[in-house]
PDB file of all heavy atoms in Angstrom:
ATOM      1  N   GLN A   1      73.399  17.961 -22.388  1.00  0.00           N
ATOM      2  CA  GLN A   1      73.636  19.116 -21.528  1.00  0.00           C
ATOM      3  C   GLN A   1      72.336  19.807 -21.206  1.00  0.00           C
ATOM      4  O   GLN A   1      71.457  19.969 -22.087  1.00  0.00           O
ATOM      5  CB  GLN A   1      74.577  20.103 -22.261  1.00  0.00           C
ATOM      6  CG  GLN A   1      74.950  21.314 -21.388  1.00  0.00           C
ATOM      7  CD  GLN A   1      75.800  22.338 -22.138  1.00  0.00           C
ATOM      8  OE1 GLN A   1      76.025  22.207 -23.345  1.00  0.00           O
ATOM      9  NE2 GLN A   1      76.277  23.344 -21.432  1.00  0.00           N
ATOM     10  N   ASN A   2      72.140  20.191 -19.938  1.00  0.00           N
ATOM     11  CA  ASN A   2      70.972  20.884 -19.494  1.00  0.00           C
ATOM     12  C   ASN A   2      71.255  22.375 -19.311  1.00  0.00           C
ATOM     13  O   ASN A   2      72.340  22.725 -18.825  1.00  0.00           O
ATOM     14  CB  ASN A   2      70.433  20.312 -18.193  1.00  0.00           C
ATOM     15  CG  ASN A   2      70.198  18.813 -18.295  1.00  0.00           C
ATOM     16  OD1 ASN A   2      70.679  18.054 -17.512  1.00  0.00           O
ATOM     17  ND2 ASN A   2      69.381  18.410 -19.273  1.00  0.00           N
ATOM     18  N   TRP A   3      70.325  23.217 -19.662  1.00  0.00           N
ATOM     19  CA  TRP A   3      70.554  24.654 -19.526  1.00  0.00           C
ATOM     20  C   TRP A   3      70.591  25.051 -18.072  1.00  0.00           C
ATOM     21  O   TRP A   3      69.685  24.692 -17.271  1.00  0.00           O
ATOM     22  CB  TRP A   3      69.477  25.433 -20.243  1.00  0.00           C
ATOM     23  CG  TRP A   3      69.747  26.915 -20.268  1.00  0.00           C
ATOM     24  CD1 TRP A   3      70.502  27.637 -21.107  1.00  0.00           C
ATOM     25  CD2 TRP A   3      69.273  27.868 -19.253  1.00  0.00           C
ATOM     26  NE1 TRP A   3      70.533  28.961 -20.756  1.00  0.00           N
ATOM     27  CE2 TRP A   3      69.774  29.136 -19.627  1.00  0.00           C
ATOM     28  CE3 TRP A   3      68.481  27.737 -18.128  1.00  0.00           C
ATOM     29  CZ2 TRP A   3      69.509  30.270 -18.890  1.00  0.00           C
ATOM     30  CZ3 TRP A   3      68.223  28.890 -17.374  1.00  0.00           C
ATOM     31  CH2 TRP A   3      68.730  30.139 -17.759  1.00  0.00           C
ATOM     32  N   ASP A   4      71.586  25.802 -17.677  1.00  0.00           N
ATOM     33  CA  ASP A   4      71.659  26.379 -16.346  1.00  0.00           C
ATOM     34  C   ASP A   4      72.630  27.584 -16.407  1.00  0.00           C
ATOM     35  O   ASP A   4      73.694  27.456 -17.005  1.00  0.00           O
ATOM     36  CB  ASP A   4      72.199  25.343 -15.338  1.00  0.00           C
ATOM     37  CG  ASP A   4      72.085  25.849 -13.899  1.00  0.00           C
ATOM     38  OD1 ASP A   4      72.926  26.649 -13.464  1.00  0.00           O
ATOM     39  OD2 ASP A   4      71.119  25.431 -13.192  1.00  0.00           O
ATOM     40  N   PRO A   5      72.220  28.719 -15.868  1.00  0.00           N
ATOM     41  CA  PRO A   5      73.065  29.908 -16.003  1.00  0.00           C
ATOM     42  C   PRO A   5      74.330  29.887 -15.153  1.00  0.00           C
ATOM     43  O   PRO A   5      75.234  30.683 -15.389  1.00  0.00           O
ATOM     44  CB  PRO A   5      72.140  31.044 -15.562  1.00  0.00           C
ATOM     45  CG  PRO A   5      71.170  30.382 -14.623  1.00  0.00           C
ATOM     46  CD  PRO A   5      70.950  28.989 -15.191  1.00  0.00           C
ATOM     47  N   PHE A   6      74.391  28.955 -14.194  1.00  0.00           N
ATOM     48  CA  PHE A   6      75.528  28.961 -13.257  1.00  0.00           C
ATOM     49  C   PHE A   6      76.330  27.676 -13.196  1.00  0.00           C
ATOM     50  O   PHE A   6      77.540  27.694 -13.110  1.00  0.00           O
ATOM     51  CB  PHE A   6      75.043  29.298 -11.831  1.00  0.00           C
ATOM     52  CG  PHE A   6      74.262  30.606 -11.768  1.00  0.00           C
ATOM     53  CD1 PHE A   6      72.931  30.598 -11.516  1.00  0.00           C
ATOM     54  CD2 PHE A   6      74.918  31.788 -11.966  1.00  0.00           C
ATOM     55  CE1 PHE A   6      72.219  31.810 -11.412  1.00  0.00           C
ATOM     56  CE2 PHE A   6      74.260  33.005 -11.865  1.00  0.00           C
ATOM     57  CZ  PHE A   6      72.874  33.027 -11.594  1.00  0.00           C
ATOM     58  N   LEU A   7      75.649  26.533 -13.215  1.00  0.00           N
ATOM     59  CA  LEU A   7      76.318  25.223 -13.026  1.00  0.00           C
ATOM     60  C   LEU A   7      76.361  24.398 -14.274  1.00  0.00           C
ATOM     61  O   LEU A   7      75.385  24.405 -15.045  1.00  0.00           O
ATOM     62  CB  LEU A   7      75.619  24.447 -11.899  1.00  0.00           C
ATOM     63  CG  LEU A   7      75.568  25.072 -10.499  1.00  0.00           C
ATOM     64  CD1 LEU A   7      74.767  24.189  -9.596  1.00  0.00           C
ATOM     65  CD2 LEU A   7      76.978  25.248  -9.981  1.00  0.00           C
ATOM     66  N   PRO A   8      77.432  23.637 -14.502  1.00  0.00           N
ATOM     67  CA  PRO A   8      77.446  22.646 -15.601  1.00  0.00           C
ATOM     68  C   PRO A   8      76.530  21.505 -15.212  1.00  0.00           C
ATOM     69  O   PRO A   8      76.739  20.851 -14.165  1.00  0.00           O
ATOM     70  CB  PRO A   8      78.918  22.198 -15.676  1.00  0.00           C
ATOM     71  CG  PRO A   8      79.666  23.188 -14.791  1.00  0.00           C
ATOM     72  CD  PRO A   8      78.729  23.678 -13.808  1.00  0.00           C
ATOM     73  N   LYS A   9      75.531  21.193 -16.032  1.00  0.00           N
ATOM     74  CA  LYS A   9      74.582  20.128 -15.721  1.00  0.00           C
ATOM     75  C   LYS A   9      74.347  19.278 -16.956  1.00  0.00           C
ATOM     76  O   LYS A   9      74.228  19.814 -18.088  1.00  0.00           O
ATOM     77  CB  LYS A   9      73.236  20.705 -15.232  1.00  0.00           C
ATOM     78  CG  LYS A   9      73.292  21.349 -13.858  1.00  0.00           C
ATOM     79  CD  LYS A   9      71.917  21.756 -13.367  1.00  0.00           C
ATOM     80  CE  LYS A   9      71.981  22.335 -11.963  1.00  0.00           C
ATOM     81  NZ  LYS A   9      70.645  22.699 -11.455  1.00  0.00           N
ATOM     82  N   PHE A  10      74.298  17.968 -16.739  1.00  0.00           N
ATOM     83  CA  PHE A  10      74.073  17.023 -17.808  1.00  0.00           C
ATOM     84  C   PHE A  10      73.126  15.937 -17.335  1.00  0.00           C
ATOM     85  O   PHE A  10      72.996  15.670 -16.149  1.00  0.00           O
ATOM     86  CB  PHE A  10      75.391  16.371 -18.252  1.00  0.00           C
ATOM     87  CG  PHE A  10      76.460  17.343 -18.642  1.00  0.00           C
ATOM     88  CD1 PHE A  10      77.314  17.882 -17.715  1.00  0.00           C
ATOM     89  CD2 PHE A  10      76.635  17.687 -19.998  1.00  0.00           C
ATOM     90  CE1 PHE A  10      78.313  18.764 -18.079  1.00  0.00           C
ATOM     91  CE2 PHE A  10      77.580  18.597 -20.375  1.00  0.00           C
ATOM     92  CZ  PHE A  10      78.443  19.121 -19.432  1.00  0.00           C
ATOM     93  N   THR A  11      72.451  15.320 -18.297  1.00  0.00           N
ATOM     94  CA  THR A  11      71.588  14.198 -18.016  1.00  0.00           C
ATOM     95  C   THR A  11      72.130  12.983 -18.784  1.00  0.00           C
ATOM     96  O   THR A  11      72.459  13.084 -19.958  1.00  0.00           O
ATOM     97  CB  THR A  11      70.129  14.467 -18.430  1.00  0.00           C
ATOM     98  OG1 THR A  11      69.626  15.550 -17.680  1.00  0.00           O
ATOM     99  CG2 THR A  11      69.268  13.230 -18.169  1.00  0.00           C
ATOM    100  N   ILE A  12      72.220  11.857 -18.075  1.00  0.00           N
ATOM    101  CA  ILE A  12      72.571  10.604 -18.706  1.00  0.00           C
ATOM    102  C   ILE A  12      71.284   9.894 -19.082  1.00  0.00           C
ATOM    103  O   ILE A  12      70.399   9.682 -18.240  1.00  0.00           O
ATOM    104  CB  ILE A  12      73.392   9.686 -17.765  1.00  0.00           C
ATOM    105  CG1 ILE A  12      74.695  10.400 -17.306  1.00  0.00           C
ATOM    106  CG2 ILE A  12      73.710   8.344 -18.407  1.00  0.00           C
ATOM    107  CD1 ILE A  12      75.661  10.622 -18.436  1.00  0.00           C
ATOM    108  N   GLN A  13      71.174   9.524 -20.349  1.00  0.00           N
ATOM    109  CA  GLN A  13      69.971   8.813 -20.826  1.00  0.00           C
ATOM    110  C   GLN A  13      70.350   7.431 -21.335  1.00  0.00           C
ATOM    111  O   GLN A  13      71.448   7.214 -21.818  1.00  0.00           O
ATOM    112  CB  GLN A  13      69.302   9.634 -21.973  1.00  0.00           C
ATOM    113  CG  GLN A  13      68.807  11.029 -21.511  1.00  0.00           C
ATOM    114  CD  GLN A  13      68.218  11.787 -22.673  1.00  0.00           C
ATOM    115  OE1 GLN A  13      68.567  11.585 -23.837  1.00  0.00           O
ATOM    116  NE2 GLN A  13      67.320  12.722 -22.365  1.00  0.00           N
ATOM    117  N   ASN A  14      69.381   6.502 -21.288  1.00  0.00           N
ATOM    118  CA  ASN A  14      69.594   5.196 -21.829  1.00  0.00           C
ATOM    119  C   ASN A  14      69.309   5.186 -23.327  1.00  0.00           C
ATOM    120  O   ASN A  14      69.082   6.230 -23.943  1.00  0.00           O
ATOM    121  CB  ASN A  14      68.778   4.146 -21.071  1.00  0.00           C
ATOM    122  CG  ASN A  14      67.260   4.383 -21.184  1.00  0.00           C
ATOM    123  OD1 ASN A  14      66.795   5.124 -22.069  1.00  0.00           O
ATOM    124  ND2 ASN A  14      66.495   3.760 -20.323  1.00  0.00           N
ATOM    125  N   GLU A  15      69.344   3.976 -23.938  1.00  0.00           N
ATOM    126  CA  GLU A  15      69.172   3.874 -25.386  1.00  0.00           C
ATOM    127  C   GLU A  15      67.795   4.348 -25.843  1.00  0.00           C
ATOM    128  O   GLU A  15      67.618   4.716 -27.010  1.00  0.00           O
ATOM    129  CB  GLU A  15      69.407   2.438 -25.836  1.00  0.00           C
ATOM    130  CG  GLU A  15      68.344   1.437 -25.439  1.00  0.00           C
ATOM    131  CD  GLU A  15      68.523   0.913 -24.013  1.00  0.00           C
ATOM    132  OE1 GLU A  15      69.401   1.430 -23.271  1.00  0.00           O
ATOM    133  OE2 GLU A  15      67.790  -0.009 -23.623  1.00  0.00           O
ATOM    134  N   SER A  16      66.800   4.363 -24.917  1.00  0.00           N
ATOM    135  CA  SER A  16      65.439   4.822 -25.275  1.00  0.00           C
ATOM    136  C   SER A  16      65.251   6.326 -24.981  1.00  0.00           C
ATOM    137  O   SER A  16      64.112   6.798 -25.005  1.00  0.00           O
ATOM    138  CB  SER A  16      64.390   4.005 -24.499  1.00  0.00           C
ATOM    139  OG  SER A  16      64.535   2.643 -24.803  1.00  0.00           O
ATOM    140  N   LYS A  17      66.342   7.006 -24.645  1.00  0.00           N
ATOM    141  CA  LYS A  17      66.297   8.455 -24.292  1.00  0.00           C
ATOM    142  C   LYS A  17      65.531   8.702 -23.033  1.00  0.00           C
ATOM    143  O   LYS A  17      64.927   9.764 -22.822  1.00  0.00           O
ATOM    144  CB  LYS A  17      65.820   9.284 -25.448  1.00  0.00           C
ATOM    145  CG  LYS A  17      66.815   9.409 -26.601  1.00  0.00           C
ATOM    146  CD  LYS A  17      66.651  10.717 -27.353  1.00  0.00           C
ATOM    147  CE  LYS A  17      67.900  10.986 -28.225  1.00  0.00           C
ATOM    148  NZ  LYS A  17      67.863  12.280 -28.861  1.00  0.00           N
ATOM    149  N   GLU A  18      65.483   7.709 -22.116  1.00  0.00           N
ATOM    150  CA  GLU A  18      64.877   7.895 -20.792  1.00  0.00           C
ATOM    151  C   GLU A  18      65.964   8.418 -19.860  1.00  0.00           C
ATOM    152  O   GLU A  18      67.077   7.905 -19.847  1.00  0.00           O
ATOM    153  CB  GLU A  18      64.321   6.601 -20.243  1.00  0.00           C
ATOM    154  CG  GLU A  18      63.208   6.005 -21.076  1.00  0.00           C
ATOM    155  CD  GLU A  18      62.809   4.605 -20.596  1.00  0.00           C
ATOM    156  OE1 GLU A  18      63.723   3.779 -20.344  1.00  0.00           O
ATOM    157  OE2 GLU A  18      61.631   4.381 -20.452  1.00  0.00           O
ATOM    158  N   ASP A  19      65.621   9.433 -19.055  1.00  0.00           N
ATOM    159  CA  ASP A  19      66.598   9.982 -18.082  1.00  0.00           C
ATOM    160  C   ASP A  19      66.938   8.911 -17.083  1.00  0.00           C
ATOM    161  O   ASP A  19      66.035   8.231 -16.551  1.00  0.00           O
ATOM    162  CB  ASP A  19      66.010  11.186 -17.403  1.00  0.00           C
ATOM    163  CG  ASP A  19      65.838  12.373 -18.349  1.00  0.00           C
ATOM    164  OD1 ASP A  19      66.301  12.292 -19.502  1.00  0.00           O
ATOM    165  OD2 ASP A  19      65.246  13.391 -17.909  1.00  0.00           O
ATOM    166  N   VAL A  20      68.231   8.741 -16.804  1.00  0.00           N
ATOM    167  CA  VAL A  20      68.712   7.722 -15.879  1.00  0.00           C
ATOM    168  C   VAL A  20      69.481   8.342 -14.717  1.00  0.00           C
ATOM    169  O   VAL A  20      69.229   8.036 -13.559  1.00  0.00           O
ATOM    170  CB  VAL A  20      69.628   6.715 -16.607  1.00  0.00           C
ATOM    171  CG1 VAL A  20      70.198   5.704 -15.629  1.00  0.00           C
ATOM    172  CG2 VAL A  20      68.854   6.009 -17.726  1.00  0.00           C
ATOM    173  N   LEU A  21      70.425   9.226 -14.976  1.00  0.00           N
ATOM    174  CA  LEU A  21      71.220   9.865 -13.968  1.00  0.00           C
ATOM    175  C   LEU A  21      71.470  11.322 -14.314  1.00  0.00           C
ATOM    176  O   LEU A  21      71.199  11.757 -15.447  1.00  0.00           O
ATOM    177  CB  LEU A  21      72.587   9.139 -13.831  1.00  0.00           C
ATOM    178  CG  LEU A  21      72.575   7.705 -13.315  1.00  0.00           C
ATOM    179  CD1 LEU A  21      73.984   7.100 -13.453  1.00  0.00           C
ATOM    180  CD2 LEU A  21      72.103   7.589 -11.883  1.00  0.00           C
ATOM    181  N   LYS A  22      72.011  12.072 -13.356  1.00  0.00           N
ATOM    182  CA  LYS A  22      72.386  13.470 -13.562  1.00  0.00           C
ATOM    183  C   LYS A  22      73.894  13.622 -13.267  1.00  0.00           C
ATOM    184  O   LYS A  22      74.437  12.888 -12.434  1.00  0.00           O
ATOM    185  CB  LYS A  22      71.614  14.383 -12.636  1.00  0.00           C
ATOM    186  CG  LYS A  22      70.091  14.389 -12.860  1.00  0.00           C
ATOM    187  CD  LYS A  22      69.438  15.322 -11.837  1.00  0.00           C
ATOM    188  CE  LYS A  22      67.943  15.367 -12.031  1.00  0.00           C
ATOM    189  NZ  LYS A  22      67.317  16.299 -11.032  1.00  0.00           N
ATOM    190  N   ILE A  23      74.510  14.571 -13.967  1.00  0.00           N
ATOM    191  CA  ILE A  23      75.887  14.964 -13.601  1.00  0.00           C
ATOM    192  C   ILE A  23      75.857  16.476 -13.381  1.00  0.00           C
ATOM    193  O   ILE A  23      75.342  17.254 -14.200  1.00  0.00           O
ATOM    194  CB  ILE A  23      76.862  14.649 -14.753  1.00  0.00           C
ATOM    195  CG1 ILE A  23      76.913  13.123 -14.987  1.00  0.00           C
ATOM    196  CG2 ILE A  23      78.244  15.205 -14.440  1.00  0.00           C
ATOM    197  CD1 ILE A  23      77.798  12.749 -16.140  1.00  0.00           C
ATOM    198  N   ILE A  24      76.282  16.891 -12.186  1.00  0.00           N
ATOM    199  CA  ILE A  24      76.303  18.288 -11.807  1.00  0.00           C
ATOM    200  C   ILE A  24      77.715  18.732 -11.440  1.00  0.00           C
ATOM    201  O   ILE A  24      78.316  18.145 -10.539  1.00  0.00           O
ATOM    202  CB  ILE A  24      75.327  18.571 -10.673  1.00  0.00           C
ATOM    203  CG1 ILE A  24      73.927  18.109 -11.051  1.00  0.00           C
ATOM    204  CG2 ILE A  24      75.314  20.038 -10.279  1.00  0.00           C
ATOM    205  CD1 ILE A  24      72.877  18.253  -9.959  1.00  0.00           C
ATOM    206  N   GLY A  25      78.208  19.747 -12.120  1.00  0.00           N
ATOM    207  CA  GLY A  25      79.542  20.217 -11.860  1.00  0.00           C
ATOM    208  C   GLY A  25      79.570  21.422 -10.917  1.00  0.00           C
ATOM    209  O   GLY A  25      78.515  21.938 -10.511  1.00  0.00           O
ATOM    210  N   PRO A  26      80.757  21.906 -10.551  1.00  0.00           N
ATOM    211  CA  PRO A  26      80.885  23.064  -9.646  1.00  0.00           C
ATOM    212  C   PRO A  26      80.664  24.362 -10.383  1.00  0.00           C
ATOM    213  O   PRO A  26      80.740  24.438 -11.617  1.00  0.00           O
ATOM    214  CB  PRO A  26      82.305  22.947  -9.165  1.00  0.00           C
ATOM    215  CG  PRO A  26      83.050  22.284 -10.302  1.00  0.00           C
ATOM    216  CD  PRO A  26      82.063  21.343 -10.904  1.00  0.00           C
TER     217      PRO A  26
END
């Protein structure tokens, strides 16, 4: 989970903890 005061935000990481994708909610 990524900090954001307004939107739900997440980062998808691979097995090496490298950022791969983002998930952004309403």
